[in-house]
Amino acid sequence: MESAVNGMLYLCATPIGNLEDITYRVLRILKEVDLIAAEDTRNSIKLLNHFDIKTPMTSYHEYNKVEKAKVLVEKMLNGTTVALITDAGTPGISDPGEELVRQCHEAGVKVTSLPGPAACITALTMSGRATRRFAFEAFLPSDKQERREILSELENETRTIILYEAPHRLLKTLKELMEVLGQDRKLTICKELTKRYENTFLTTFGEAAAFYEENEPRGEYVLVIEGKSRKEIKSEQQAQWETMSVEAHVEMYIKQGMDKKEAMKAAAKDRGVSKRDIYQALL
């Protein structure tokens, strides 16, 4: 078991709802360090008071993250031990902690992470969706152009997709995603994780949009979206070739330098048919 040492940053995961989810190690480190950097000191003081932690706090958030990180790094270089906590969950995941960690590494300050709650992983494991491969997108960007680009990238994503969303934007986001991914795409909507009114809703985009048209969203949401199947992508790719004649398809590869036999084989693969079928079509 380690003890807090000079000049070090501890990333301390805090509960996303249920206070019983905090670890013994996090509690010990929060008591041992010289300073706690908190995303919102007004929110974090409730946590510290609950566990009778008297360590001084300082504010570290999205709007001061670059300059304040410089101050904190300087303190750590001079021997101060710092624990970073976010409003809920693991620091550095979709919050300003990422900047502080980057500056620490550049300055040669040691960083360690104390494992604990993370809403994205909690939702994924209870979603009923594939867990081996996933893409975490956090909140979609507010900038319209960047948002369109991200949505376009997600259209053919084969991994399970995890998104966060606030209640007042949930319906809009569901409709935007439905336009890109289709109303029949499956997803799991996780609400108020680890809290009293925790709820898991296995649905489709069409069903979810209709439901929240009639029921006002409340609480914080995590969307766990089924990835696009490789079979569907392959079918779409093959369908694109159907707009081109077999003769033009084979000729396209010949112009690229293939001999006729190689061109027929490539065209057959594209179209999901046998080389014999291509030969018959050319005849």
C-alpha atoms as a PDB file:
ATOM      1  CA  MET A   1       0.000   0.000   0.000  1.00  0.00           C
ATOM      2  CA  GLU A   2       1.478   3.346  -1.072  1.00  0.00           C
ATOM      3  CA  SER A   3       1.401   6.558   0.900  1.00  0.00           C
ATOM      4  CA  ALA A   4       1.147  10.053  -0.527  1.00  0.00           C
ATOM      5  CA  VAL A   5       4.608  11.207  -1.571  1.00  0.00           C
ATOM      6  CA  ASN A   6       5.962  14.614  -2.552  1.00  0.00           C
ATOM      7  CA  GLY A   7       5.307  16.108  -5.934  1.00  0.00           C
ATOM      8  CA  MET A   8       2.604  13.789  -7.210  1.00  0.00           C
ATOM      9  CA  LEU A   9      -0.895  13.909  -8.745  1.00  0.00           C
ATOM     10  CA  TYR A  10      -3.582  11.433  -7.684  1.00  0.00           C
ATOM     11  CA  LEU A  11      -6.639  11.060  -9.930  1.00  0.00           C
ATOM     12  CA  CYS A  12      -9.333  10.038  -7.449  1.00  0.00           C
ATOM     13  CA  ALA A  13     -12.557   8.503  -8.734  1.00  0.00           C
ATOM     14  CA  THR A  14     -15.601   9.598  -6.723  1.00  0.00           C
ATOM     15  CA  PRO A  15     -19.155   8.178  -6.701  1.00  0.00           C
ATOM     16  CA  ILE A  16     -21.491   8.919  -9.606  1.00  0.00           C
ATOM     17  CA  GLY A  17     -24.451   8.681  -7.245  1.00  0.00           C
ATOM     18  CA  ASN A  18     -24.242   6.131  -4.477  1.00  0.00           C
ATOM     19  CA  LEU A  19     -21.694   7.253  -1.855  1.00  0.00           C
ATOM     20  CA  GLU A  20     -20.982   3.631  -0.904  1.00  0.00           C
ATOM     21  CA  ASP A  21     -19.081   3.277  -4.191  1.00  0.00           C
ATOM     22  CA  ILE A  22     -16.078   5.269  -2.961  1.00  0.00           C
ATOM     23  CA  THR A  23     -12.997   3.138  -2.249  1.00  0.00           C
ATOM     24  CA  TYR A  24     -10.974   2.922   0.979  1.00  0.00           C
ATOM     25  CA  ARG A  25      -7.896   3.927  -0.995  1.00  0.00           C
ATOM     26  CA  VAL A  26      -9.503   7.109  -2.353  1.00  0.00           C
ATOM     27  CA  LEU A  27     -10.664   8.083   1.137  1.00  0.00           C
ATOM     28  CA  ARG A  28      -7.161   7.593   2.527  1.00  0.00           C
ATOM     29  CA  ILE A  29      -5.440   9.561  -0.224  1.00  0.00           C
ATOM     30  CA  LEU A  30      -7.935  12.442   0.025  1.00  0.00           C
ATOM     31  CA  LYS A  31      -7.015  12.708   3.700  1.00  0.00           C
ATOM     32  CA  GLU A  32      -3.252  12.382   3.157  1.00  0.00           C
ATOM     33  CA  VAL A  33      -2.608  14.803   0.272  1.00  0.00           C
ATOM     34  CA  ASP A  34      -1.813  18.486   0.794  1.00  0.00           C
ATOM     35  CA  LEU A  35      -4.453  19.801  -1.600  1.00  0.00           C
ATOM     36  CA  ILE A  36      -7.598  18.641  -3.403  1.00  0.00           C
ATOM     37  CA  ALA A  37      -8.348  20.166  -6.810  1.00  0.00           C
ATOM     38  CA  ALA A  38     -12.094  19.932  -7.413  1.00  0.00           C
ATOM     39  CA  GLU A  39     -14.207  20.652 -10.477  1.00  0.00           C
ATOM     40  CA  ASP A  40     -16.859  22.315  -8.300  1.00  0.00           C
ATOM     41  CA  THR A  41     -15.851  22.988  -4.695  1.00  0.00           C
ATOM     42  CA  ARG A  42     -19.477  23.663  -3.706  1.00  0.00           C
ATOM     43  CA  ASN A  43     -20.427  20.178  -4.864  1.00  0.00           C
ATOM     44  CA  SER A  44     -17.319  18.418  -3.550  1.00  0.00           C
ATOM     45  CA  ILE A  45     -17.527  19.923  -0.044  1.00  0.00           C
ATOM     46  CA  LYS A  46     -20.640  17.787   0.511  1.00  0.00           C
ATOM     47  CA  LEU A  47     -18.640  14.645  -0.281  1.00  0.00           C
ATOM     48  CA  LEU A  48     -15.714  15.675   1.919  1.00  0.00           C
ATOM     49  CA  ASN A  49     -17.996  16.602   4.821  1.00  0.00           C
ATOM     50  CA  HIS A  50     -19.802  13.255   4.545  1.00  0.00           C
ATOM     51  CA  PHE A  51     -16.505  11.393   5.000  1.00  0.00           C
ATOM     52  CA  ASP A  52     -15.062  13.925   7.475  1.00  0.00           C
ATOM     53  CA  ILE A  53     -12.184  14.951   5.187  1.00  0.00           C
ATOM     54  CA  LYS A  54     -10.576  18.278   6.165  1.00  0.00           C
ATOM     55  CA  THR A  55      -8.005  18.625   3.350  1.00  0.00           C
ATOM     56  CA  PRO A  56      -7.952  22.120   1.742  1.00  0.00           C
ATOM     57  CA  MET A  57      -9.614  22.442  -1.668  1.00  0.00           C
ATOM     58  CA  THR A  58      -8.996  24.589  -4.707  1.00  0.00           C
ATOM     59  CA  SER A  59     -11.105  25.073  -7.819  1.00  0.00           C
ATOM     60  CA  TYR A  60     -10.039  23.419 -11.092  1.00  0.00           C
ATOM     61  CA  HIS A  61     -12.605  23.487 -13.915  1.00  0.00           C
ATOM     62  CA  GLU A  62     -13.153  23.860 -17.672  1.00  0.00           C
ATOM     63  CA  TYR A  63     -12.765  27.653 -17.661  1.00  0.00           C
ATOM     64  CA  ASN A  64      -9.474  27.863 -15.744  1.00  0.00           C
ATOM     65  CA  LYS A  65      -7.962  24.485 -16.662  1.00  0.00           C
ATOM     66  CA  VAL A  66      -4.916  25.698 -18.615  1.00  0.00           C
ATOM     67  CA  GLU A  67      -3.700  28.463 -16.291  1.00  0.00           C
ATOM     68  CA  LYS A  68      -4.691  26.672 -13.086  1.00  0.00           C
ATOM     69  CA  ALA A  69      -2.918  23.517 -14.272  1.00  0.00           C
ATOM     70  CA  LYS A  70       0.294  25.543 -14.550  1.00  0.00           C
ATOM     71  CA  VAL A  71      -0.158  26.727 -10.945  1.00  0.00           C
ATOM     72  CA  LEU A  72      -0.846  23.191  -9.687  1.00  0.00           C
ATOM     73  CA  VAL A  73       2.104  21.712 -11.581  1.00  0.00           C
ATOM     74  CA  GLU A  74       4.391  24.349 -10.071  1.00  0.00           C
ATOM     75  CA  LYS A  75       3.125  23.424  -6.605  1.00  0.00           C
ATOM     76  CA  MET A  76       3.776  19.729  -7.251  1.00  0.00           C
ATOM     77  CA  LEU A  77       7.276  20.469  -8.536  1.00  0.00           C
ATOM     78  CA  ASN A  78       7.860  22.185  -5.188  1.00  0.00           C
ATOM     79  CA  GLY A  79       6.695  19.156  -3.205  1.00  0.00           C
ATOM     80  CA  THR A  80       2.898  19.542  -2.913  1.00  0.00           C
ATOM     81  CA  THR A  81       0.777  16.405  -3.259  1.00  0.00           C
ATOM     82  CA  VAL A  82      -2.480  17.001  -5.127  1.00  0.00           C
ATOM     83  CA  ALA A  83      -5.617  14.884  -5.521  1.00  0.00           C
ATOM     84  CA  LEU A  84      -7.888  15.694  -8.451  1.00  0.00           C
ATOM     85  CA  ILE A  85     -11.615  14.963  -8.191  1.00  0.00           C
ATOM     86  CA  THR A  86     -14.407  15.627 -10.629  1.00  0.00           C
ATOM     87  CA  ASP A  87     -18.083  16.276  -9.831  1.00  0.00           C
ATOM     88  CA  ALA A  88     -18.710  12.543 -10.213  1.00  0.00           C
ATOM     89  CA  GLY A  89     -16.779   9.609 -11.602  1.00  0.00           C
ATOM     90  CA  THR A  90     -13.198   9.280 -12.804  1.00  0.00           C
ATOM     91  CA  PRO A  91     -11.175  12.471 -13.471  1.00  0.00           C
ATOM     92  CA  GLY A  92      -9.807  12.892 -16.977  1.00  0.00           C
ATOM     93  CA  ILE A  93     -12.784  11.277 -18.715  1.00  0.00           C
ATOM     94  CA  SER A  94     -14.735  13.996 -20.504  1.00  0.00           C
ATOM     95  CA  ASP A  95     -13.568  16.675 -18.057  1.00  0.00           C
ATOM     96  CA  PRO A  96     -10.704  19.183 -17.628  1.00  0.00           C
ATOM     97  CA  GLY A  97      -8.479  16.689 -15.795  1.00  0.00           C
ATOM     98  CA  GLU A  98      -7.061  15.682 -19.165  1.00  0.00           C
ATOM     99  CA  GLU A  99      -5.206  19.013 -19.397  1.00  0.00           C
ATOM    100  CA  LEU A 100      -3.687  18.727 -15.921  1.00  0.00           C
ATOM    101  CA  VAL A 101      -2.453  15.202 -16.608  1.00  0.00           C
ATOM    102  CA  ARG A 102      -0.864  16.352 -19.875  1.00  0.00           C
ATOM    103  CA  GLN A 103       0.968  19.223 -18.171  1.00  0.00           C
ATOM    104  CA  CYS A 104       2.130  16.928 -15.359  1.00  0.00           C
ATOM    105  CA  HIS A 105       3.711  14.506 -17.817  1.00  0.00           C
ATOM    106  CA  GLU A 106       5.394  17.354 -19.702  1.00  0.00           C
ATOM    107  CA  ALA A 107       6.853  18.684 -16.440  1.00  0.00           C
ATOM    108  CA  GLY A 108       7.943  15.286 -15.166  1.00  0.00           C
ATOM    109  CA  VAL A 109       5.418  15.138 -12.318  1.00  0.00           C
ATOM    110  CA  LYS A 110       4.338  11.599 -11.407  1.00  0.00           C
ATOM    111  CA  VAL A 111       0.658  10.780 -12.038  1.00  0.00           C
ATOM    112  CA  THR A 112      -1.362   7.835 -10.800  1.00  0.00           C
ATOM    113  CA  SER A 113      -5.049   6.970 -11.108  1.00  0.00           C
ATOM    114  CA  LEU A 114      -7.101   5.400  -8.336  1.00  0.00           C
ATOM    115  CA  PRO A 115      -9.753   3.230 -10.030  1.00  0.00           C
ATOM    116  CA  GLY A 116     -13.400   3.665  -9.248  1.00  0.00           C
ATOM    117  CA  PRO A 117     -16.765   4.694 -10.701  1.00  0.00           C
ATOM    118  CA  ALA A 118     -17.137   5.774 -14.351  1.00  0.00           C
ATOM    119  CA  ALA A 119     -20.612   6.283 -15.808  1.00  0.00           C
ATOM    120  CA  CYS A 120     -19.599   5.099 -19.289  1.00  0.00           C
ATOM    121  CA  ILE A 121     -18.292   1.720 -18.083  1.00  0.00           C
ATOM    122  CA  THR A 122     -21.131   1.269 -15.587  1.00  0.00           C
ATOM    123  CA  ALA A 123     -23.713   1.832 -18.340  1.00  0.00           C
ATOM    124  CA  LEU A 124     -21.902  -0.359 -20.873  1.00  0.00           C
ATOM    125  CA  THR A 125     -21.685  -3.367 -18.587  1.00  0.00           C
ATOM    126  CA  MET A 126     -25.395  -3.288 -17.725  1.00  0.00           C
ATOM    127  CA  SER A 127     -26.668  -2.315 -21.187  1.00  0.00           C
ATOM    128  CA  GLY A 128     -27.059  -5.727 -22.786  1.00  0.00           C
ATOM    129  CA  ARG A 129     -25.057  -4.467 -25.791  1.00  0.00           C
ATOM    130  CA  ALA A 130     -21.742  -5.864 -27.050  1.00  0.00           C
ATOM    131  CA  THR A 131     -18.918  -4.920 -24.671  1.00  0.00           C
ATOM    132  CA  ARG A 132     -15.746  -6.231 -26.377  1.00  0.00           C
ATOM    133  CA  ARG A 133     -15.312  -3.173 -28.621  1.00  0.00           C
ATOM    134  CA  PHE A 134     -16.747   0.253 -27.877  1.00  0.00           C
ATOM    135  CA  ALA A 135     -16.334   3.906 -28.831  1.00  0.00           C
ATOM    136  CA  PHE A 136     -16.836   6.533 -26.118  1.00  0.00           C
ATOM    137  CA  GLU A 137     -17.999   9.899 -27.462  1.00  0.00           C
ATOM    138  CA  ALA A 138     -19.068  11.593 -24.173  1.00  0.00           C
ATOM    139  CA  PHE A 139     -21.276  14.618 -25.023  1.00  0.00           C
ATOM    140  CA  LEU A 140     -21.716  15.447 -28.709  1.00  0.00           C
ATOM    141  CA  PRO A 141     -20.067  18.817 -29.521  1.00  0.00           C
ATOM    142  CA  SER A 142     -22.272  21.927 -29.442  1.00  0.00           C
ATOM    143  CA  ASP A 143     -20.628  23.421 -32.540  1.00  0.00           C
ATOM    144  CA  LYS A 144     -22.970  22.616 -35.436  1.00  0.00           C
ATOM    145  CA  GLN A 145     -20.293  21.811 -38.014  1.00  0.00           C
ATOM    146  CA  GLU A 146     -18.269  19.624 -35.650  1.00  0.00           C
ATOM    147  CA  ARG A 147     -21.469  17.918 -34.499  1.00  0.00           C
ATOM    148  CA  ARG A 148     -22.400  17.054 -38.119  1.00  0.00           C
ATOM    149  CA  GLU A 149     -18.915  15.654 -38.704  1.00  0.00           C
ATOM    150  CA  ILE A 150     -19.046  13.454 -35.595  1.00  0.00           C
ATOM    151  CA  LEU A 151     -22.531  12.171 -36.477  1.00  0.00           C
ATOM    152  CA  SER A 152     -21.286  11.355 -39.994  1.00  0.00           C
ATOM    153  CA  GLU A 153     -18.366   9.392 -38.519  1.00  0.00           C
ATOM    154  CA  LEU A 154     -20.740   7.426 -36.287  1.00  0.00           C
ATOM    155  CA  GLU A 155     -22.918   6.345 -39.238  1.00  0.00           C
ATOM    156  CA  ASN A 156     -20.741   3.321 -40.066  1.00  0.00           C
ATOM    157  CA  GLU A 157     -19.236   2.736 -36.606  1.00  0.00           C
ATOM    158  CA  THR A 158     -19.254  -1.022 -35.933  1.00  0.00           C
ATOM    159  CA  ARG A 159     -18.303  -0.714 -32.251  1.00  0.00           C
ATOM    160  CA  THR A 160     -20.832  -0.111 -29.486  1.00  0.00           C
ATOM    161  CA  ILE A 161     -21.188   3.682 -29.071  1.00  0.00           C
ATOM    162  CA  ILE A 162     -21.469   5.372 -25.658  1.00  0.00           C
ATOM    163  CA  LEU A 163     -22.805   8.929 -25.329  1.00  0.00           C
ATOM    164  CA  TYR A 164     -23.736  11.187 -22.424  1.00  0.00           C
ATOM    165  CA  GLU A 165     -26.707  13.547 -22.575  1.00  0.00           C
ATOM    166  CA  ALA A 166     -28.505  16.034 -20.329  1.00  0.00           C
ATOM    167  CA  PRO A 167     -32.310  15.771 -19.945  1.00  0.00           C
ATOM    168  CA  HIS A 168     -33.145  19.044 -21.730  1.00  0.00           C
ATOM    169  CA  ARG A 169     -31.232  17.951 -24.859  1.00  0.00           C
ATOM    170  CA  LEU A 170     -32.091  14.244 -24.859  1.00  0.00           C
ATOM    171  CA  LEU A 171     -34.999  14.287 -27.322  1.00  0.00           C
ATOM    172  CA  LYS A 172     -33.157  16.508 -29.815  1.00  0.00           C
ATOM    173  CA  THR A 173     -30.098  14.256 -29.687  1.00  0.00           C
ATOM    174  CA  LEU A 174     -32.178  11.089 -30.095  1.00  0.00           C
ATOM    175  CA  LYS A 175     -33.814  12.557 -33.227  1.00  0.00           C
ATOM    176  CA  GLU A 176     -30.453  13.634 -34.691  1.00  0.00           C
ATOM    177  CA  LEU A 177     -28.980  10.182 -34.093  1.00  0.00           C
ATOM    178  CA  MET A 178     -32.097   8.520 -35.518  1.00  0.00           C
ATOM    179  CA  GLU A 179     -31.681  10.466 -38.781  1.00  0.00           C
ATOM    180  CA  VAL A 180     -28.137   9.145 -39.153  1.00  0.00           C
ATOM    181  CA  LEU A 181     -28.364   5.652 -37.643  1.00  0.00           C
ATOM    182  CA  GLY A 182     -31.975   4.781 -38.499  1.00  0.00           C
ATOM    183  CA  GLN A 183     -35.090   4.405 -36.385  1.00  0.00           C
ATOM    184  CA  ASP A 184     -34.606   0.650 -35.996  1.00  0.00           C
ATOM    185  CA  ARG A 185     -31.072   0.848 -34.567  1.00  0.00           C
ATOM    186  CA  LYS A 186     -31.066  -0.640 -31.061  1.00  0.00           C
ATOM    187  CA  LEU A 187     -29.829   1.232 -28.005  1.00  0.00           C
ATOM    188  CA  THR A 188     -29.996   1.110 -24.225  1.00  0.00           C
ATOM    189  CA  ILE A 189     -30.801   4.300 -22.328  1.00  0.00           C
ATOM    190  CA  CYS A 190     -29.392   4.293 -18.789  1.00  0.00           C
ATOM    191  CA  LYS A 191     -30.718   6.902 -16.389  1.00  0.00           C
ATOM    192  CA  GLU A 192     -29.577   8.039 -12.915  1.00  0.00           C
ATOM    193  CA  LEU A 193     -26.912   5.330 -12.560  1.00  0.00           C
ATOM    194  CA  THR A 194     -26.367   3.958  -9.022  1.00  0.00           C
ATOM    195  CA  LYS A 195     -29.054   6.311  -7.661  1.00  0.00           C
ATOM    196  CA  ARG A 196     -32.472   5.559  -6.213  1.00  0.00           C
ATOM    197  CA  TYR A 197     -34.330   5.910  -9.525  1.00  0.00           C
ATOM    198  CA  GLU A 198     -31.794   4.093 -11.692  1.00  0.00           C
ATOM    199  CA  ASN A 199     -33.421   2.808 -14.859  1.00  0.00           C
ATOM    200  CA  THR A 200     -32.290   0.828 -17.915  1.00  0.00           C
ATOM    201  CA  PHE A 201     -34.425   1.104 -21.068  1.00  0.00           C
ATOM    202  CA  LEU A 202     -33.663  -1.295 -23.969  1.00  0.00           C
ATOM    203  CA  THR A 203     -35.257   0.214 -27.049  1.00  0.00           C
ATOM    204  CA  THR A 204     -34.793   1.522 -30.616  1.00  0.00           C
ATOM    205  CA  PHE A 205     -34.370   5.120 -31.728  1.00  0.00           C
ATOM    206  CA  GLY A 206     -37.891   5.201 -33.139  1.00  0.00           C
ATOM    207  CA  GLU A 207     -39.428   3.903 -29.911  1.00  0.00           C
ATOM    208  CA  ALA A 208     -37.264   6.137 -27.699  1.00  0.00           C
ATOM    209  CA  ALA A 209     -38.064   9.331 -29.634  1.00  0.00           C
ATOM    210  CA  ALA A 210     -41.796   8.548 -29.446  1.00  0.00           C
ATOM    211  CA  PHE A 211     -41.560   7.802 -25.713  1.00  0.00           C
ATOM    212  CA  TYR A 212     -39.763  11.039 -24.813  1.00  0.00           C
ATOM    213  CA  GLU A 213     -42.166  13.072 -26.954  1.00  0.00           C
ATOM    214  CA  GLU A 214     -44.798  12.054 -24.403  1.00  0.00           C
ATOM    215  CA  ASN A 215     -42.632  11.774 -21.270  1.00  0.00           C
ATOM    216  CA  GLU A 216     -40.370  14.617 -20.139  1.00  0.00           C
ATOM    217  CA  PRO A 217     -36.772  13.412 -19.660  1.00  0.00           C
ATOM    218  CA  ARG A 218     -35.429  13.792 -16.118  1.00  0.00           C
ATOM    219  CA  GLY A 219     -32.022  12.960 -14.691  1.00  0.00           C
ATOM    220  CA  GLU A 220     -28.699  12.309 -16.377  1.00  0.00           C
ATOM    221  CA  TYR A 221     -28.570   9.864 -19.297  1.00  0.00           C
ATOM    222  CA  VAL A 222     -26.040   7.509 -20.867  1.00  0.00           C
ATOM    223  CA  LEU A 223     -26.890   6.143 -24.330  1.00  0.00           C
ATOM    224  CA  VAL A 224     -25.336   2.791 -25.243  1.00  0.00           C
ATOM    225  CA  ILE A 225     -25.894   2.279 -28.963  1.00  0.00           C
ATOM    226  CA  GLU A 226     -25.512  -0.919 -30.947  1.00  0.00           C
ATOM    227  CA  GLY A 227     -22.806  -0.672 -33.607  1.00  0.00           C
ATOM    228  CA  LYS A 228     -23.618  -1.126 -37.280  1.00  0.00           C
ATOM    229  CA  SER A 229     -23.280  -4.742 -38.361  1.00  0.00           C
ATOM    230  CA  ARG A 230     -20.515  -5.624 -40.803  1.00  0.00           C
ATOM    231  CA  LYS A 231     -23.058  -7.620 -42.795  1.00  0.00           C
ATOM    232  CA  GLU A 232     -25.160  -4.487 -43.318  1.00  0.00           C
ATOM    233  CA  ILE A 233     -22.103  -2.468 -44.381  1.00  0.00           C
ATOM    234  CA  LYS A 234     -21.101  -5.179 -46.867  1.00  0.00           C
ATOM    235  CA  SER A 235     -24.628  -5.289 -48.304  1.00  0.00           C
ATOM    236  CA  GLU A 236     -24.632  -1.514 -48.765  1.00  0.00           C
ATOM    237  CA  GLN A 237     -21.246  -1.609 -50.493  1.00  0.00           C
ATOM    238  CA  GLN A 238     -22.407  -4.364 -52.836  1.00  0.00           C
ATOM    239  CA  ALA A 239     -25.610  -2.442 -53.605  1.00  0.00           C
ATOM    240  CA  GLN A 240     -23.539   0.544 -54.742  1.00  0.00           C
ATOM    241  CA  TRP A 241     -21.899  -1.552 -57.463  1.00  0.00           C
ATOM    242  CA  GLU A 242     -25.300  -2.521 -58.862  1.00  0.00           C
ATOM    243  CA  THR A 243     -25.603   0.970 -60.356  1.00  0.00           C
ATOM    244  CA  MET A 244     -22.625   0.089 -62.586  1.00  0.00           C
ATOM    245  CA  SER A 245     -22.805  -2.521 -65.345  1.00  0.00           C
ATOM    246  CA  VAL A 246     -20.622  -5.620 -65.013  1.00  0.00           C
ATOM    247  CA  GLU A 247     -18.767  -4.585 -68.193  1.00  0.00           C
ATOM    248  CA  ALA A 248     -17.973  -1.119 -66.801  1.00  0.00           C
ATOM    249  CA  HIS A 249     -16.953  -2.633 -63.470  1.00  0.00           C
ATOM    250  CA  VAL A 250     -14.448  -5.019 -65.039  1.00  0.00           C
ATOM    251  CA  GLU A 251     -13.199  -2.307 -67.415  1.00  0.00           C
ATOM    252  CA  MET A 252     -12.566  -0.008 -64.410  1.00  0.00           C
ATOM    253  CA  TYR A 253     -10.063  -2.501 -62.981  1.00  0.00           C
ATOM    254  CA  ILE A 254      -8.450  -3.164 -66.369  1.00  0.00           C
ATOM    255  CA  LYS A 255      -7.797   0.590 -66.687  1.00  0.00           C
ATOM    256  CA  GLN A 256      -6.101   0.439 -63.285  1.00  0.00           C
ATOM    257  CA  GLY A 257      -3.581  -2.038 -64.686  1.00  0.00           C
ATOM    258  CA  MET A 258      -5.130  -5.455 -63.947  1.00  0.00           C
ATOM    259  CA  ASP A 259      -5.382  -8.156 -66.562  1.00  0.00           C
ATOM    260  CA  LYS A 260      -8.881  -9.306 -67.461  1.00  0.00           C
ATOM    261  CA  LYS A 261      -8.797 -12.366 -65.179  1.00  0.00           C
ATOM    262  CA  GLU A 262      -7.761 -10.298 -62.142  1.00  0.00           C
ATOM    263  CA  ALA A 263     -10.340  -7.627 -63.000  1.00  0.00           C
ATOM    264  CA  MET A 264     -13.143 -10.207 -63.142  1.00  0.00           C
ATOM    265  CA  LYS A 265     -12.077 -11.631 -59.785  1.00  0.00           C
ATOM    266  CA  ALA A 266     -12.015  -8.153 -58.181  1.00  0.00           C
ATOM    267  CA  ALA A 267     -15.436  -7.269 -59.609  1.00  0.00           C
ATOM    268  CA  ALA A 268     -16.877 -10.565 -58.348  1.00  0.00           C
ATOM    269  CA  LYS A 269     -15.593  -9.821 -54.852  1.00  0.00           C
ATOM    270  CA  ASP A 270     -17.058  -6.316 -54.904  1.00  0.00           C
ATOM    271  CA  ARG A 271     -20.474  -7.555 -55.966  1.00  0.00           C
ATOM    272  CA  GLY A 272     -20.557 -10.581 -53.657  1.00  0.00           C
ATOM    273  CA  VAL A 273     -20.927 -13.040 -56.523  1.00  0.00           C
ATOM    274  CA  SER A 274     -18.775 -15.772 -58.066  1.00  0.00           C
ATOM    275  CA  LYS A 275     -16.255 -15.196 -60.825  1.00  0.00           C
ATOM    276  CA  ARG A 276     -18.374 -17.522 -62.973  1.00  0.00           C
ATOM    277  CA  ASP A 277     -21.340 -15.123 -62.586  1.00  0.00           C
ATOM    278  CA  ILE A 278     -19.168 -12.258 -63.886  1.00  0.00           C
ATOM    279  CA  TYR A 279     -18.018 -14.396 -66.807  1.00  0.00           C
ATOM    280  CA  GLN A 280     -21.630 -15.271 -67.724  1.00  0.00           C
ATOM    281  CA  ALA A 281     -22.654 -11.600 -67.509  1.00  0.00           C
ATOM    282  CA  LEU A 282     -19.854 -10.589 -69.852  1.00  0.00           C
ATOM    283  CA  LEU A 283     -20.935 -13.241 -72.346  1.00  0.00           C
END
